[in-house]
Amino acid sequence: MIQIFRIVAFVEGVTTLALFLVAMPMKYIFGMPFLTSPVGAIHGIAFLAYIGAMWVCLRDYAFSAKDWARTTIAAFFPFGTFLNDPFLKRKQAEAEAG
């Protein structure tokens, strides 16, 4: 399950970057807002999937409150899900070993 959560986290991170680095500059710098709505909607779905997958994954593997906070906060910052991935990878390896 952690592997699935890592994939969802990667997608959420990519959609965040697409929104911040492509859609929003096109809207505010170039006056071309046509990507903002679809990319924003895709990011919203990815964010909800992240929260849902986080809930299932962290609950099933008995993550600590600190782990919950770290993983939740990662969703609110650009690159946060990417920076949190090594932590999740370690947790995945621990779960597979034990």
Protein backbone atom coordinates (compact mmCIF):
# COMPACT_ATOMS: atom_id res chain seq x y z
CA MET A 1 0.00 0.00 0.00
CA ILE A 2 2.88 2.40 0.68
CA GLN A 3 4.01 1.95 -2.94
CA ILE A 4 0.57 3.07 -4.17
CA PHE A 5 0.66 6.05 -1.80
CA ARG A 6 4.11 6.99 -3.13
CA ILE A 7 2.74 6.95 -6.69
CA VAL A 8 -0.24 9.10 -5.69
CA ALA A 9 2.13 11.49 -3.90
CA PHE A 10 4.29 11.75 -7.03
CA VAL A 11 1.25 12.55 -9.18
CA GLU A 12 0.10 15.16 -6.65
CA GLY A 13 3.55 16.74 -6.71
CA VAL A 14 3.66 16.81 -10.51
CA THR A 15 0.22 18.42 -10.73
CA THR A 16 1.28 21.05 -8.20
CA LEU A 17 4.30 21.92 -10.30
CA ALA A 18 2.22 21.96 -13.49
CA LEU A 19 -0.18 24.40 -11.85
CA PHE A 20 2.51 26.67 -10.39
CA LEU A 21 5.09 26.50 -13.18
CA VAL A 22 2.92 26.23 -16.29
CA ALA A 23 -0.75 27.14 -15.86
CA MET A 24 -0.41 30.10 -13.49
CA PRO A 25 2.46 31.80 -15.36
CA MET A 26 0.52 31.40 -18.60
CA LYS A 27 -2.45 33.10 -16.97
CA TYR A 28 -0.73 35.90 -15.08
CA ILE A 29 2.31 36.61 -17.25
CA PHE A 30 1.05 35.83 -20.74
CA GLY A 31 -2.67 36.51 -20.26
CA MET A 32 -3.63 33.01 -21.43
CA PRO A 33 -5.85 31.50 -18.71
CA PHE A 34 -7.11 28.47 -20.64
CA LEU A 35 -4.97 25.93 -18.71
CA THR A 36 -5.70 27.17 -15.21
CA SER A 37 -9.12 25.52 -14.81
CA PRO A 38 -8.31 22.04 -16.15
CA VAL A 39 -4.90 21.84 -14.48
CA GLY A 40 -6.41 23.17 -11.25
CA ALA A 41 -9.17 20.56 -11.39
CA ILE A 42 -6.70 17.75 -12.04
CA HIS A 43 -4.56 18.99 -9.15
CA GLY A 44 -7.63 19.12 -6.90
CA ILE A 45 -8.47 15.51 -7.70
CA ALA A 46 -4.84 14.50 -7.16
CA PHE A 47 -4.79 16.31 -3.81
CA LEU A 48 -7.97 14.54 -2.65
CA ALA A 49 -6.51 11.22 -3.80
CA TYR A 50 -3.35 12.03 -1.82
CA ILE A 51 -5.34 12.73 1.35
CA GLY A 52 -7.41 9.56 0.90
CA ALA A 53 -4.38 7.38 0.17
CA MET A 54 -2.52 8.96 3.08
CA TRP A 55 -5.40 8.17 5.43
CA VAL A 56 -5.53 4.52 4.38
CA CYS A 57 -1.78 3.99 4.20
CA LEU A 58 -0.74 5.69 7.41
CA ARG A 59 -3.56 4.11 9.38
CA ASP A 60 -2.80 0.60 8.08
CA TYR A 61 0.91 0.87 8.89
CA ALA A 62 0.52 2.55 12.30
CA PHE A 63 2.54 5.68 11.50
CA SER A 64 3.23 7.97 14.45
CA ALA A 65 1.59 11.38 14.93
CA LYS A 66 4.86 12.98 13.81
CA ASP A 67 4.80 10.90 10.62
CA TRP A 68 1.18 11.96 9.99
CA ALA A 69 2.08 15.63 10.47
CA ARG A 70 5.14 15.37 8.22
CA THR A 71 3.19 13.68 5.43
CA THR A 72 0.24 16.07 5.71
CA ILE A 73 2.46 19.17 5.65
CA ALA A 74 4.29 17.80 2.60
CA ALA A 75 1.08 18.10 0.59
CA PHE A 76 0.87 21.85 1.14
CA PHE A 77 4.29 22.84 -0.19
CA PRO A 78 5.70 22.66 -3.72
CA PHE A 79 8.26 19.84 -3.84
CA GLY A 80 6.98 18.65 -0.43
CA THR A 81 5.79 15.30 -1.70
CA PHE A 82 9.10 14.77 -3.49
CA LEU A 83 11.09 15.64 -0.36
CA ASN A 84 8.91 13.28 1.69
CA ASP A 85 9.39 10.34 -0.70
CA PRO A 86 12.70 9.04 0.78
CA PHE A 87 10.96 8.86 4.17
CA LEU A 88 8.09 6.86 2.64
CA LYS A 89 10.55 4.64 0.81
CA ARG A 90 12.26 3.81 4.13
CA LYS A 91 8.90 3.05 5.72
CA GLN A 92 8.04 0.83 2.76
CA ALA A 93 11.30 -1.10 3.13
CA GLU A 94 10.66 -1.52 6.89
CA ALA A 95 7.14 -2.81 6.21
CA GLU A 96 8.37 -5.27 3.59
CA ALA A 97 11.20 -6.50 5.85
CA GLY A 98 9.11 -6.90 8.98
